[in-house]
Amino acid sequence: MTPKMSTGEKQRLVKTKTEMGSSAYERAKAFESKNPFHISVMYPYYVSSRLTIPLAFAKKHFLGQLSNNNDLVLVSGGRSWPAKCTRSGDSARINGWKAFVVDNKLKVGDVCILEIMKGKKLSVNIIVFPADD
């Protein structure tokens, strides 16, 4: 009898298979910066709604670091999008992500680096590594 897998276990399995077979992910892993950054592989929920990031990363760089209600700016290719980081259980969400996804035509399998750029206003430089077609 095959044991049942929880939703979390299924998501981790899908994530592992996607990352292992992705040259976009391999290219993103080679990224280097003096600024803190997080790598996110785009999954269906991320391209249809909000981006979820680890709570520890959000606490260190977003939550509690922002003076105006956890507002931040997503920046890529000379354009910017307003966003907000909020806590959601044991993770954090980037609300306002959907506009970035639509404008940049992100799709499942693309890989994004969120590079923290601190200044007067917290901004997140987004570097996109397109999925292999």
N, C-alpha and C. Protein backbone atom coordinates (compact mmCIF):
# COMPACT_ATOMS: atom_id res chain seq x y z
N MET A 1 0.84 -1.17 0.00
CA MET A 1 0.00 0.00 0.00
C MET A 1 0.89 1.25 0.00
N THR A 2 0.61 2.19 -0.89
CA THR A 2 1.39 3.42 -1.00
C THR A 2 0.86 4.43 0.01
N PRO A 3 1.77 5.00 0.83
CA PRO A 3 1.32 5.99 1.81
C PRO A 3 0.84 7.27 1.11
N LYS A 4 -0.16 7.92 1.71
CA LYS A 4 -0.68 9.17 1.15
C LYS A 4 0.30 10.29 1.44
N MET A 5 0.43 11.21 0.47
CA MET A 5 1.32 12.36 0.64
C MET A 5 0.47 13.57 0.99
N SER A 6 0.97 14.38 1.89
CA SER A 6 0.29 15.63 2.22
C SER A 6 0.48 16.61 1.06
N THR A 7 -0.32 17.67 1.06
CA THR A 7 -0.19 18.70 0.04
C THR A 7 1.21 19.31 0.07
N GLY A 8 1.72 19.58 1.28
CA GLY A 8 3.06 20.14 1.41
C GLY A 8 4.13 19.23 0.83
N GLU A 9 3.99 17.92 1.08
CA GLU A 9 4.95 16.95 0.53
C GLU A 9 4.88 16.93 -0.99
N LYS A 10 3.67 17.02 -1.55
CA LYS A 10 3.51 17.04 -3.00
C LYS A 10 4.15 18.29 -3.59
N GLN A 11 3.93 19.44 -2.93
CA GLN A 11 4.51 20.69 -3.42
C GLN A 11 6.03 20.63 -3.37
N ARG A 12 6.59 20.07 -2.29
CA ARG A 12 8.05 19.96 -2.19
C ARG A 12 8.60 19.04 -3.28
N LEU A 13 7.88 17.95 -3.58
CA LEU A 13 8.31 17.02 -4.62
C LEU A 13 8.30 17.72 -5.98
N VAL A 14 7.23 18.43 -6.29
CA VAL A 14 7.14 19.16 -7.55
C VAL A 14 8.24 20.21 -7.61
N LYS A 15 8.46 20.93 -6.51
CA LYS A 15 9.49 21.96 -6.47
C LYS A 15 10.86 21.36 -6.75
N THR A 16 11.16 20.26 -6.12
CA THR A 16 12.46 19.63 -6.29
C THR A 16 12.66 19.19 -7.74
N LYS A 17 11.65 18.55 -8.33
CA LYS A 17 11.77 18.10 -9.72
C LYS A 17 11.93 19.28 -10.67
N THR A 18 11.17 20.35 -10.43
CA THR A 18 11.26 21.53 -11.29
C THR A 18 12.63 22.17 -11.21
N GLU A 19 13.12 22.36 -10.00
CA GLU A 19 14.40 23.02 -9.82
C GLU A 19 15.55 22.19 -10.40
N MET A 20 15.50 20.89 -10.19
CA MET A 20 16.60 20.04 -10.66
C MET A 20 16.72 20.04 -12.17
N GLY A 21 15.59 20.17 -12.88
CA GLY A 21 15.63 20.09 -14.33
C GLY A 21 15.67 21.45 -15.02
N SER A 22 15.92 22.50 -14.29
CA SER A 22 15.80 23.83 -14.86
C SER A 22 17.15 24.52 -15.03
N SER A 23 17.48 24.85 -16.27
CA SER A 23 18.71 25.61 -16.45
C SER A 23 18.49 27.06 -16.02
N ALA A 24 17.23 27.53 -16.01
CA ALA A 24 16.93 28.86 -15.48
C ALA A 24 17.31 28.90 -14.01
N TYR A 25 16.99 27.85 -13.30
CA TYR A 25 17.35 27.78 -11.88
C TYR A 25 18.87 27.71 -11.71
N GLU A 26 19.52 26.95 -12.56
CA GLU A 26 20.99 26.85 -12.50
C GLU A 26 21.63 28.22 -12.75
N ARG A 27 21.10 28.96 -13.73
CA ARG A 27 21.63 30.30 -14.01
C ARG A 27 21.39 31.23 -12.82
N ALA A 28 20.22 31.12 -12.21
CA ALA A 28 19.91 31.97 -11.05
C ALA A 28 20.82 31.64 -9.87
N LYS A 29 21.12 30.36 -9.68
CA LYS A 29 22.00 29.96 -8.57
C LYS A 29 23.40 30.56 -8.72
N ALA A 30 23.81 30.86 -9.95
CA ALA A 30 25.13 31.43 -10.19
C ALA A 30 25.18 32.93 -9.90
N PHE A 31 24.02 33.53 -9.65
CA PHE A 31 23.95 34.97 -9.37
C PHE A 31 24.71 35.30 -8.08
N GLU A 32 25.44 36.40 -8.11
CA GLU A 32 26.17 36.86 -6.93
C GLU A 32 25.87 38.33 -6.71
N SER A 33 25.78 38.73 -5.45
CA SER A 33 25.54 40.12 -5.11
C SER A 33 26.02 40.39 -3.70
N LYS A 34 26.40 41.63 -3.44
CA LYS A 34 26.74 42.01 -2.08
C LYS A 34 25.47 42.28 -1.28
N ASN A 35 24.35 42.42 -1.99
CA ASN A 35 23.05 42.64 -1.35
C ASN A 35 22.38 41.30 -1.06
N PRO A 36 21.56 41.25 -0.02
CA PRO A 36 20.82 40.01 0.24
C PRO A 36 19.82 39.75 -0.89
N PHE A 37 19.59 38.48 -1.20
CA PHE A 37 18.63 38.13 -2.24
C PHE A 37 18.00 36.78 -1.97
N HIS A 38 16.88 36.55 -2.64
CA HIS A 38 16.14 35.30 -2.51
C HIS A 38 15.79 34.83 -3.92
N ILE A 39 15.91 33.53 -4.18
CA ILE A 39 15.57 32.94 -5.47
C ILE A 39 14.20 32.28 -5.37
N SER A 40 13.31 32.62 -6.31
CA SER A 40 11.97 32.02 -6.35
C SER A 40 11.69 31.43 -7.72
N VAL A 41 11.36 30.15 -7.74
CA VAL A 41 10.91 29.49 -8.97
C VAL A 41 9.42 29.78 -9.09
N MET A 42 8.98 30.17 -10.27
CA MET A 42 7.57 30.50 -10.45
C MET A 42 6.71 29.24 -10.61
N TYR A 43 5.79 29.10 -9.68
CA TYR A 43 4.82 28.01 -9.68
C TYR A 43 3.46 28.59 -10.03
N PRO A 44 2.48 27.75 -10.36
CA PRO A 44 1.17 28.28 -10.79
C PRO A 44 0.59 29.35 -9.85
N TYR A 45 0.65 29.14 -8.55
CA TYR A 45 0.08 30.13 -7.62
C TYR A 45 0.82 31.46 -7.71
N TYR A 46 2.13 31.42 -7.90
CA TYR A 46 2.93 32.64 -7.95
C TYR A 46 2.64 33.47 -9.20
N VAL A 47 2.28 32.84 -10.30
CA VAL A 47 1.98 33.60 -11.51
C VAL A 47 0.50 33.94 -11.63
N SER A 48 -0.33 33.43 -10.73
CA SER A 48 -1.75 33.74 -10.79
C SER A 48 -2.21 34.60 -9.61
N SER A 49 -1.38 34.76 -8.61
CA SER A 49 -1.83 35.49 -7.42
C SER A 49 -0.68 36.26 -6.77
N ARG A 50 -0.15 35.72 -5.66
CA ARG A 50 0.90 36.39 -4.89
C ARG A 50 2.13 35.52 -4.82
N LEU A 51 3.24 36.18 -4.55
CA LEU A 51 4.49 35.46 -4.33
C LEU A 51 4.63 35.20 -2.83
N THR A 52 4.97 33.99 -2.46
CA THR A 52 5.22 33.63 -1.08
C THR A 52 6.72 33.44 -0.91
N ILE A 53 7.25 34.01 0.19
CA ILE A 53 8.68 33.90 0.48
C ILE A 53 8.85 33.41 1.91
N PRO A 54 10.02 32.87 2.25
CA PRO A 54 10.24 32.39 3.61
C PRO A 54 10.08 33.52 4.65
N LEU A 55 9.41 33.21 5.74
CA LEU A 55 9.16 34.19 6.78
C LEU A 55 10.46 34.75 7.36
N ALA A 56 11.47 33.91 7.56
CA ALA A 56 12.74 34.37 8.13
C ALA A 56 13.37 35.45 7.24
N PHE A 57 13.34 35.26 5.93
CA PHE A 57 13.89 36.24 4.99
C PHE A 57 13.08 37.54 5.07
N ALA A 58 11.76 37.41 5.09
CA ALA A 58 10.89 38.59 5.15
C ALA A 58 11.10 39.36 6.45
N LYS A 59 11.20 38.65 7.56
CA LYS A 59 11.41 39.32 8.84
C LYS A 59 12.72 40.09 8.85
N LYS A 60 13.74 39.49 8.30
CA LYS A 60 15.06 40.12 8.31
C LYS A 60 15.13 41.35 7.40
N HIS A 61 14.44 41.30 6.25
CA HIS A 61 14.62 42.34 5.25
C HIS A 61 13.40 43.22 4.99
N PHE A 62 12.19 42.74 5.33
CA PHE A 62 10.98 43.52 5.05
C PHE A 62 10.20 43.85 6.31
N LEU A 63 9.66 42.83 6.94
CA LEU A 63 8.76 43.03 8.07
C LEU A 63 9.49 43.67 9.24
N GLY A 64 8.94 44.75 9.73
CA GLY A 64 9.57 45.44 10.85
C GLY A 64 10.70 46.36 10.43
N GLN A 65 11.14 46.27 9.18
CA GLN A 65 12.21 47.14 8.67
C GLN A 65 11.64 48.36 7.97
N LEU A 66 10.37 48.31 7.69
CA LEU A 66 9.75 49.36 6.90
C LEU A 66 8.97 50.32 7.78
N SER A 67 9.14 51.60 7.55
CA SER A 67 8.48 52.59 8.39
C SER A 67 7.04 52.87 7.96
N ASN A 68 6.70 52.56 6.72
CA ASN A 68 5.34 52.87 6.26
C ASN A 68 4.58 51.61 5.84
N ASN A 69 4.11 50.89 6.83
CA ASN A 69 3.19 49.77 6.63
C ASN A 69 3.70 48.64 5.75
N ASN A 70 4.97 48.35 5.80
CA ASN A 70 5.56 47.26 5.02
C ASN A 70 5.44 47.48 3.51
N ASP A 71 5.36 48.75 3.09
CA ASP A 71 5.33 49.06 1.66
C ASP A 71 6.73 48.92 1.09
N LEU A 72 6.79 48.46 -0.14
CA LEU A 72 8.06 48.37 -0.84
C LEU A 72 7.81 48.58 -2.33
N VAL A 73 8.87 48.66 -3.09
CA VAL A 73 8.76 48.87 -4.53
C VAL A 73 9.50 47.74 -5.24
N LEU A 74 8.82 47.11 -6.19
CA LEU A 74 9.46 46.10 -7.05
C LEU A 74 10.02 46.85 -8.25
N VAL A 75 11.28 46.59 -8.61
CA VAL A 75 11.95 47.30 -9.69
C VAL A 75 12.54 46.29 -10.66
N SER A 76 12.34 46.55 -11.96
CA SER A 76 12.94 45.69 -12.98
C SER A 76 12.89 46.42 -14.33
N GLY A 77 14.00 46.39 -15.03
CA GLY A 77 14.04 46.97 -16.38
C GLY A 77 13.65 48.43 -16.45
N GLY A 78 13.99 49.20 -15.42
CA GLY A 78 13.68 50.61 -15.42
C GLY A 78 12.24 50.95 -15.04
N ARG A 79 11.44 49.97 -14.70
CA ARG A 79 10.05 50.18 -14.29
C ARG A 79 9.89 49.82 -12.82
N SER A 80 8.80 50.27 -12.22
CA SER A 80 8.56 49.95 -10.81
C SER A 80 7.09 49.65 -10.56
N TRP A 81 6.84 48.85 -9.52
CA TRP A 81 5.50 48.42 -9.13
C TRP A 81 5.39 48.54 -7.61
N PRO A 82 4.31 49.14 -7.11
CA PRO A 82 4.13 49.20 -5.66
C PRO A 82 3.76 47.82 -5.13
N ALA A 83 4.23 47.51 -3.94
CA ALA A 83 3.93 46.20 -3.34
C ALA A 83 3.93 46.35 -1.82
N LYS A 84 3.50 45.29 -1.18
CA LYS A 84 3.46 45.26 0.28
C LYS A 84 3.80 43.86 0.73
N CYS A 85 4.59 43.75 1.78
CA CYS A 85 4.94 42.45 2.34
C CYS A 85 4.09 42.23 3.59
N THR A 86 3.40 41.10 3.64
CA THR A 86 2.57 40.77 4.79
C THR A 86 2.86 39.36 5.27
N ARG A 87 2.70 39.15 6.57
CA ARG A 87 2.90 37.82 7.14
C ARG A 87 1.65 36.98 6.88
N SER A 88 1.88 35.72 6.55
CA SER A 88 0.78 34.79 6.31
C SER A 88 1.18 33.44 6.90
N GLY A 89 0.80 33.21 8.15
CA GLY A 89 1.16 31.96 8.81
C GLY A 89 2.66 31.84 8.97
N ASP A 90 3.25 30.76 8.43
CA ASP A 90 4.69 30.54 8.56
C ASP A 90 5.48 31.02 7.35
N SER A 91 4.87 31.90 6.56
CA SER A 91 5.57 32.49 5.41
C SER A 91 5.15 33.95 5.29
N ALA A 92 5.62 34.61 4.25
CA ALA A 92 5.24 36.00 3.99
C ALA A 92 4.81 36.10 2.53
N ARG A 93 3.94 37.04 2.25
CA ARG A 93 3.43 37.23 0.89
C ARG A 93 3.82 38.61 0.38
N ILE A 94 4.07 38.66 -0.92
CA ILE A 94 4.29 39.94 -1.58
C ILE A 94 3.00 40.26 -2.33
N ASN A 95 2.22 41.16 -1.77
CA ASN A 95 0.99 41.60 -2.42
C ASN A 95 1.36 42.70 -3.41
N GLY A 96 0.74 42.67 -4.58
CA GLY A 96 1.11 43.59 -5.65
C GLY A 96 1.98 42.87 -6.68
N TRP A 97 2.30 41.62 -6.41
CA TRP A 97 3.15 40.81 -7.29
C TRP A 97 2.47 40.55 -8.64
N LYS A 98 1.15 40.40 -8.62
CA LYS A 98 0.42 40.03 -9.84
C LYS A 98 0.65 41.04 -10.97
N ALA A 99 0.66 42.33 -10.64
CA ALA A 99 0.89 43.35 -11.67
C ALA A 99 2.27 43.17 -12.31
N PHE A 100 3.27 42.84 -11.48
CA PHE A 100 4.62 42.58 -12.00
C PHE A 100 4.61 41.37 -12.93
N VAL A 101 3.92 40.32 -12.52
CA VAL A 101 3.84 39.09 -13.32
C VAL A 101 3.22 39.38 -14.69
N VAL A 102 2.10 40.10 -14.70
CA VAL A 102 1.40 40.40 -15.95
C VAL A 102 2.27 41.27 -16.86
N ASP A 103 2.82 42.34 -16.31
CA ASP A 103 3.62 43.26 -17.13
C ASP A 103 4.88 42.62 -17.68
N ASN A 104 5.43 41.63 -16.98
CA ASN A 104 6.66 40.98 -17.43
C ASN A 104 6.43 39.61 -18.06
N LYS A 105 5.15 39.26 -18.22
CA LYS A 105 4.76 38.00 -18.88
C LYS A 105 5.45 36.78 -18.27
N LEU A 106 5.53 36.77 -16.93
CA LEU A 106 6.14 35.61 -16.26
C LEU A 106 5.28 34.38 -16.46
N LYS A 107 5.95 33.24 -16.49
CA LYS A 107 5.21 31.99 -16.64
C LYS A 107 5.80 30.95 -15.69
N VAL A 108 5.05 29.89 -15.52
CA VAL A 108 5.49 28.80 -14.65
C VAL A 108 6.85 28.31 -15.15
N GLY A 109 7.78 28.15 -14.23
CA GLY A 109 9.13 27.68 -14.57
C GLY A 109 10.16 28.79 -14.64
N ASP A 110 9.71 30.04 -14.84
CA ASP A 110 10.66 31.16 -14.79
C ASP A 110 11.23 31.23 -13.39
N VAL A 111 12.39 31.81 -13.26
CA VAL A 111 13.03 31.96 -11.95
C VAL A 111 13.31 33.44 -11.73
N CYS A 112 12.94 33.92 -10.55
CA CYS A 112 13.16 35.33 -10.22
C CYS A 112 14.08 35.46 -9.01
N ILE A 113 14.98 36.40 -9.10
CA ILE A 113 15.80 36.76 -7.95
C ILE A 113 15.24 38.05 -7.40
N LEU A 114 15.01 38.08 -6.11
CA LEU A 114 14.56 39.29 -5.41
C LEU A 114 15.77 39.83 -4.66
N GLU A 115 16.36 40.88 -5.18
CA GLU A 115 17.56 41.46 -4.58
C GLU A 115 17.16 42.72 -3.79
N ILE A 116 17.48 42.73 -2.52
CA ILE A 116 17.11 43.83 -1.64
C ILE A 116 18.02 45.03 -1.89
N MET A 117 17.40 46.17 -2.17
CA MET A 117 18.13 47.42 -2.40
C MET A 117 17.64 48.42 -1.37
N LYS A 118 18.44 48.67 -0.36
CA LYS A 118 18.01 49.60 0.69
C LYS A 118 18.41 51.02 0.34
N GLY A 119 17.50 51.91 0.60
CA GLY A 119 17.73 53.33 0.37
C GLY A 119 16.69 54.07 1.17
N LYS A 120 16.28 55.24 0.69
CA LYS A 120 15.22 55.98 1.37
C LYS A 120 13.95 55.14 1.43
N LYS A 121 13.68 54.45 0.36
CA LYS A 121 12.52 53.57 0.29
C LYS A 121 13.03 52.18 -0.06
N LEU A 122 12.54 51.17 0.62
CA LEU A 122 12.99 49.81 0.35
C LEU A 122 12.51 49.37 -1.03
N SER A 123 13.45 48.98 -1.86
CA SER A 123 13.08 48.46 -3.18
C SER A 123 13.68 47.08 -3.35
N VAL A 124 13.01 46.32 -4.20
CA VAL A 124 13.45 44.96 -4.50
C VAL A 124 13.70 44.88 -6.00
N ASN A 125 14.96 44.70 -6.35
CA ASN A 125 15.33 44.55 -7.75
C ASN A 125 14.99 43.12 -8.18
N ILE A 126 14.16 42.97 -9.18
CA ILE A 126 13.76 41.65 -9.65
C ILE A 126 14.53 41.32 -10.92
N ILE A 127 15.25 40.20 -10.88
CA ILE A 127 15.98 39.71 -12.04
C ILE A 127 15.31 38.43 -12.48
N VAL A 128 14.87 38.39 -13.74
CA VAL A 128 14.12 37.25 -14.25
C VAL A 128 15.01 36.37 -15.14
N PHE A 129 14.98 35.08 -14.85
CA PHE A 129 15.63 34.07 -15.69
C PHE A 129 14.52 33.26 -16.33
N PRO A 130 14.26 33.48 -17.63
CA PRO A 130 13.15 32.77 -18.28
C PRO A 130 13.36 31.25 -18.30
N ALA A 131 12.25 30.55 -18.20
CA ALA A 131 12.28 29.08 -18.26
C ALA A 131 12.68 28.66 -19.66
N ASP A 132 13.24 27.48 -19.74
CA ASP A 132 13.59 26.91 -21.04
C ASP A 132 12.32 26.51 -21.74
N ASP A 133 12.25 26.80 -23.00
CA ASP A 133 11.05 26.41 -23.78
C ASP A 133 11.27 25.10 -24.48
